[in-house]
Amino acid sequence: MSPEGDANDPRTAARQQGQGHQGPARSPAPGGGGTTLEKAPEHPEPPAPEPPDSETAPPGTDGGPGSGEGKAGRFWSVRRAPAGIVALLLFAGTGILLYDVASVRAGRPGMAWRRSLTDELAGRRLDDTFMLAGAAVVAALGLWLLVLALTPGKRSLLTMRPDVPQVRAGLERSAAALVLRDRAMQIPGVQSVRVKVARRKIRARAMAHFRDLDEVRGELDGALREGIGQLGLARRPGLSVHVRRPAKRR
């Protein structure tokens, strides 16, 4: 067998590569009888990035709240009671109006209340007191419905930081006030304390029966600020601390 045939034999090429042969790989030429050289890639291609949903993807690459860019919005109230009342009133009014229209179309007289209301509206001026009062009531109801539709509600629920992706958590304001009150009662010299938690500010009013008021106020302010930080709220509220002596008994 000729050397060229040995070079073109795939088994010979594989054997040479297995013995540690280094260099460009050989491939048979299209016309046969010779070989062509192909340059091997100098750097391997980097692996494709893992999708965000895969188990091997690094944390924080899914673009969720866990990556530090998430925003925690307020919880929206369903408001079943106002929606149910409005739907019931509209259903009742529409049903009565359709019944009256169908009755008139059938040749029967319309309802007495509708004729009376039509005569009253036709005989009164636009600047009449009852007309203005009725228009004000209707406008107030419409404004109330708009406020309910455009505001989230649930003011008693504080939004917590979205540390875990796709998980939203909230804290009741009463629970936050109870936690801060227990922390404030651990300060020496505090006899009693009242904590009021709002959405934007927390107010604490304490009674100190011994120690200096400035010292108690300083320790109380530090303890409450630390407690607010440990609540894990999405928006850190402000803090207002007032300390005074209890009233003297007569």
Protein backbone atom coordinates (compact mmCIF):
# COMPACT_ATOMS: atom_id res chain seq x y z
CA MET A 1 0.00 0.00 0.00
CA SER A 2 1.34 3.43 -0.90
CA PRO A 3 2.12 6.09 1.70
CA GLU A 4 -0.55 8.30 0.23
CA GLY A 5 -3.11 5.59 0.73
CA ASP A 6 -1.98 5.20 4.34
CA ALA A 7 -2.34 8.92 4.83
CA ASN A 8 -5.86 8.88 3.42
CA ASP A 9 -6.87 5.90 5.51
CA PRO A 10 -9.09 7.15 8.36
CA ARG A 11 -7.85 4.41 10.69
CA THR A 12 -4.24 5.54 10.19
CA ALA A 13 -5.24 9.16 10.93
CA ALA A 14 -7.08 8.11 14.07
CA ARG A 15 -4.12 6.05 15.23
CA GLN A 16 -1.79 9.01 14.69
CA GLN A 17 -4.04 11.30 16.69
CA GLY A 18 -4.23 8.73 19.49
CA GLN A 19 -0.41 8.61 19.70
CA GLY A 20 -0.25 12.32 20.50
CA HIS A 21 0.02 13.72 16.99
CA GLN A 22 -0.39 17.47 17.10
CA GLY A 23 -0.95 19.83 14.26
CA PRO A 24 -3.63 20.66 11.72
CA ALA A 25 -6.12 17.95 10.88
CA ARG A 26 -6.08 16.42 7.41
CA SER A 27 -9.12 15.89 5.27
CA PRO A 28 -9.31 14.24 1.87
CA ALA A 29 -9.36 16.58 -1.09
CA PRO A 30 -12.45 16.59 -3.26
CA GLY A 31 -10.53 15.20 -6.24
CA GLY A 32 -8.81 12.43 -4.27
CA GLY A 33 -5.12 11.54 -4.27
CA GLY A 34 -4.05 14.39 -2.00
CA THR A 35 -4.76 16.06 1.30
CA THR A 36 -5.73 19.57 2.30
CA LEU A 37 -4.89 21.24 5.58
CA GLU A 38 -7.59 22.83 7.77
CA LYS A 39 -6.60 25.16 10.55
CA ALA A 40 -7.94 24.06 13.91
CA PRO A 41 -9.77 26.72 16.00
CA GLU A 42 -7.42 28.46 18.37
CA HIS A 43 -10.00 29.17 21.09
CA PRO A 44 -13.04 27.04 21.83
CA GLU A 45 -16.40 28.75 21.58
CA PRO A 46 -17.80 29.85 24.94
CA PRO A 47 -20.79 27.88 26.18
CA ALA A 48 -24.18 29.40 25.59
CA PRO A 49 -25.66 31.17 28.63
CA GLU A 50 -28.19 29.25 30.61
CA PRO A 51 -31.80 30.47 30.43
CA PRO A 52 -33.14 32.22 33.50
CA ASP A 53 -35.53 29.37 34.32
CA SER A 54 -32.85 26.64 34.31
CA GLU A 55 -31.56 25.17 37.54
CA THR A 56 -27.89 25.93 36.70
CA ALA A 57 -28.42 29.64 36.04
CA PRO A 58 -26.63 31.89 38.54
CA PRO A 59 -28.81 33.73 41.04
CA GLY A 60 -29.88 37.26 40.25
CA THR A 61 -29.92 36.81 36.44
CA ASP A 62 -33.64 36.47 36.05
CA GLY A 63 -34.26 40.22 36.31
CA GLY A 64 -36.65 39.70 39.21
CA PRO A 65 -36.68 41.37 42.60
CA GLY A 66 -33.86 39.11 43.75
CA SER A 67 -31.43 40.88 41.43
CA GLY A 68 -31.79 44.15 43.35
CA GLU A 69 -33.91 45.92 40.72
CA GLY A 70 -37.36 44.82 41.83
CA LYS A 71 -39.98 47.25 42.98
CA ALA A 72 -42.56 46.44 45.61
CA GLY A 73 -45.94 48.01 44.90
CA ARG A 74 -48.84 48.32 47.29
CA PHE A 75 -51.51 45.69 47.55
CA TRP A 76 -54.76 46.56 45.76
CA SER A 77 -58.07 46.02 47.48
CA VAL A 78 -60.76 44.02 45.70
CA ARG A 79 -63.54 46.26 47.11
CA ARG A 80 -66.30 43.70 46.72
CA ALA A 81 -68.84 45.67 48.78
CA PRO A 82 -68.81 48.92 46.73
CA ALA A 83 -68.70 47.01 43.46
CA GLY A 84 -71.59 44.78 44.53
CA ILE A 85 -73.72 47.73 45.67
CA VAL A 86 -73.16 49.64 42.42
CA ALA A 87 -73.87 46.55 40.31
CA LEU A 88 -77.08 45.84 42.26
CA LEU A 89 -78.35 49.41 41.92
CA LEU A 90 -77.60 49.50 38.19
CA PHE A 91 -79.29 46.15 37.67
CA ALA A 92 -82.41 47.23 39.59
CA GLY A 93 -82.67 50.61 37.87
CA THR A 94 -82.12 49.17 34.40
CA GLY A 95 -84.67 46.43 35.00
CA ILE A 96 -87.35 48.85 36.18
CA LEU A 97 -86.69 51.23 33.29
CA LEU A 98 -86.89 48.44 30.70
CA TYR A 99 -90.12 47.16 32.24
CA ASP A 100 -91.66 50.64 32.09
CA VAL A 101 -90.57 51.14 28.47
CA ALA A 102 -91.99 47.75 27.48
CA SER A 103 -95.25 48.55 29.28
CA VAL A 104 -95.61 51.85 27.41
CA ARG A 105 -94.83 50.13 24.09
CA ALA A 106 -97.56 47.59 24.85
CA GLY A 107 -100.16 50.37 25.17
CA ARG A 108 -100.30 50.57 28.94
CA PRO A 109 -99.75 53.77 30.92
CA GLY A 110 -96.31 54.36 32.38
CA MET A 111 -95.54 54.11 36.08
CA ALA A 112 -96.87 56.92 38.25
CA TRP A 113 -93.49 57.71 39.81
CA ARG A 114 -91.88 58.17 36.40
CA ARG A 115 -94.64 60.57 35.26
CA SER A 116 -94.36 62.52 38.51
CA LEU A 117 -90.60 62.72 38.23
CA THR A 118 -90.83 63.87 34.62
CA ASP A 119 -93.32 66.60 35.51
CA GLU A 120 -91.16 67.77 38.44
CA LEU A 121 -88.01 67.95 36.33
CA ALA A 122 -89.84 69.79 33.55
CA GLY A 123 -91.33 72.36 35.95
CA ARG A 124 -88.16 73.20 37.98
CA ARG A 125 -85.37 75.56 37.01
CA LEU A 126 -81.73 74.52 36.88
CA ASP A 127 -80.81 76.84 39.77
CA ASP A 128 -83.43 75.28 42.04
CA THR A 129 -82.21 74.14 45.47
CA PHE A 130 -83.38 70.54 45.03
CA MET A 131 -81.79 70.33 41.60
CA LEU A 132 -78.47 71.61 42.89
CA ALA A 133 -78.59 69.29 45.90
CA GLY A 134 -79.36 66.27 43.72
CA ALA A 135 -76.56 67.15 41.30
CA ALA A 136 -74.11 67.53 44.22
CA VAL A 137 -75.05 64.12 45.62
CA VAL A 138 -74.64 62.44 42.24
CA ALA A 139 -71.28 64.18 41.67
CA ALA A 140 -70.05 63.12 45.12
CA LEU A 141 -71.00 59.51 44.46
CA GLY A 142 -69.23 59.58 41.10
CA LEU A 143 -66.12 61.12 42.64
CA TRP A 144 -66.16 58.47 45.40
CA LEU A 145 -66.31 55.71 42.80
CA LEU A 146 -63.40 57.25 40.87
CA VAL A 147 -61.30 57.43 44.04
CA LEU A 148 -62.04 53.80 44.80
CA ALA A 149 -61.12 52.78 41.27
CA LEU A 150 -57.81 54.72 41.12
CA THR A 151 -56.42 54.10 44.63
CA PRO A 152 -55.01 50.78 45.86
CA GLY A 153 -56.58 50.79 49.31
CA LYS A 154 -55.48 48.39 52.08
CA ARG A 155 -53.81 51.17 54.03
CA SER A 156 -53.39 48.89 57.04
CA LEU A 157 -50.99 46.64 55.11
CA LEU A 158 -47.33 47.64 54.75
CA THR A 159 -45.41 46.23 51.78
CA MET A 160 -42.24 44.31 52.59
CA ARG A 161 -39.07 44.03 50.52
CA PRO A 162 -39.24 41.51 47.64
CA ASP A 163 -36.19 39.50 48.72
CA VAL A 164 -37.53 36.32 47.08
CA PRO A 165 -38.51 36.48 43.39
CA GLN A 166 -42.22 36.09 42.60
CA VAL A 167 -43.15 36.34 46.31
CA ARG A 168 -44.94 39.35 47.77
CA ALA A 169 -45.28 39.86 51.49
CA GLY A 170 -47.06 42.39 53.66
CA LEU A 171 -47.10 43.33 57.32
CA GLU A 172 -50.06 44.66 59.26
CA ARG A 173 -49.48 48.04 60.82
CA SER A 174 -50.85 46.81 64.14
CA ALA A 175 -48.33 43.94 64.16
CA ALA A 176 -45.46 46.32 63.38
CA ALA A 177 -46.58 48.63 66.18
CA LEU A 178 -46.68 45.70 68.62
CA VAL A 179 -43.16 44.59 67.68
CA LEU A 180 -41.76 48.09 68.09
CA ARG A 181 -43.59 48.57 71.37
CA ASP A 182 -42.08 45.40 72.82
CA ARG A 183 -38.63 46.56 71.74
CA ALA A 184 -39.17 49.98 73.31
CA MET A 185 -40.27 48.48 76.63
CA GLN A 186 -36.84 46.81 76.94
CA ILE A 187 -35.16 50.20 77.37
CA PRO A 188 -34.34 50.91 81.03
CA GLY A 189 -36.37 53.79 82.40
CA VAL A 190 -39.36 53.42 80.04
CA GLN A 191 -42.55 53.03 82.02
CA SER A 192 -45.00 52.93 79.12
CA VAL A 193 -44.93 53.64 75.41
CA ARG A 194 -47.47 54.11 72.65
CA VAL A 195 -46.42 53.42 69.06
CA LYS A 196 -48.49 54.55 66.11
CA VAL A 197 -47.43 53.19 62.71
CA ALA A 198 -48.48 55.05 59.59
CA ARG A 199 -47.51 54.44 55.98
CA ARG A 200 -44.87 57.20 55.96
CA LYS A 201 -44.05 57.85 59.60
CA ILE A 202 -43.89 56.07 62.94
CA ARG A 203 -44.61 58.03 66.13
CA ALA A 204 -43.59 56.80 69.56
CA ARG A 205 -44.62 58.50 72.81
CA ALA A 206 -42.98 57.13 75.95
CA MET A 207 -43.16 57.76 79.68
CA ALA A 208 -39.85 57.68 81.59
CA HIS A 209 -40.11 57.41 85.38
CA PHE A 210 -36.34 57.50 86.04
CA ARG A 211 -33.08 58.27 84.23
CA ASP A 212 -32.41 61.38 82.20
CA LEU A 213 -34.91 62.08 79.44
CA ASP A 214 -32.22 62.72 76.83
CA GLU A 215 -30.55 59.37 77.54
CA VAL A 216 -33.85 57.52 77.36
CA ARG A 217 -34.75 59.34 74.15
CA GLY A 218 -31.40 58.49 72.55
CA GLU A 219 -31.57 54.79 73.42
CA LEU A 220 -35.21 54.60 72.42
CA ASP A 221 -34.52 56.25 69.08
CA GLY A 222 -31.65 53.84 68.33
CA ALA A 223 -33.65 50.77 69.36
CA LEU A 224 -36.67 51.76 67.29
CA ARG A 225 -34.56 52.55 64.23
CA GLU A 226 -32.91 49.15 64.49
CA GLY A 227 -36.31 47.52 64.90
CA ILE A 228 -37.69 49.34 61.85
CA GLY A 229 -34.76 48.07 59.80
CA GLN A 230 -35.43 44.50 60.92
CA LEU A 231 -39.08 44.69 59.85
CA GLY A 232 -38.00 44.35 56.22
CA LEU A 233 -40.28 47.05 54.85
CA ALA A 234 -39.96 48.05 51.21
CA ARG A 235 -40.16 51.74 52.13
CA ARG A 236 -38.51 52.78 55.37
CA PRO A 237 -40.83 55.15 57.24
CA GLY A 238 -39.66 58.11 59.27
CA LEU A 239 -39.46 58.06 63.05
CA SER A 240 -40.62 60.56 65.65
CA VAL A 241 -39.85 59.91 69.35
CA HIS A 242 -41.26 61.90 72.28
CA VAL A 243 -40.32 61.15 75.89
CA ARG A 244 -41.77 62.86 78.97
CA ARG A 245 -42.33 62.32 82.64
CA PRO A 246 -45.60 60.89 83.89
CA ALA A 247 -48.01 63.32 85.49
CA LYS A 248 -47.60 63.74 89.22
CA ARG A 249 -50.38 62.42 91.39
CA ARG A 250 -52.05 64.85 93.70
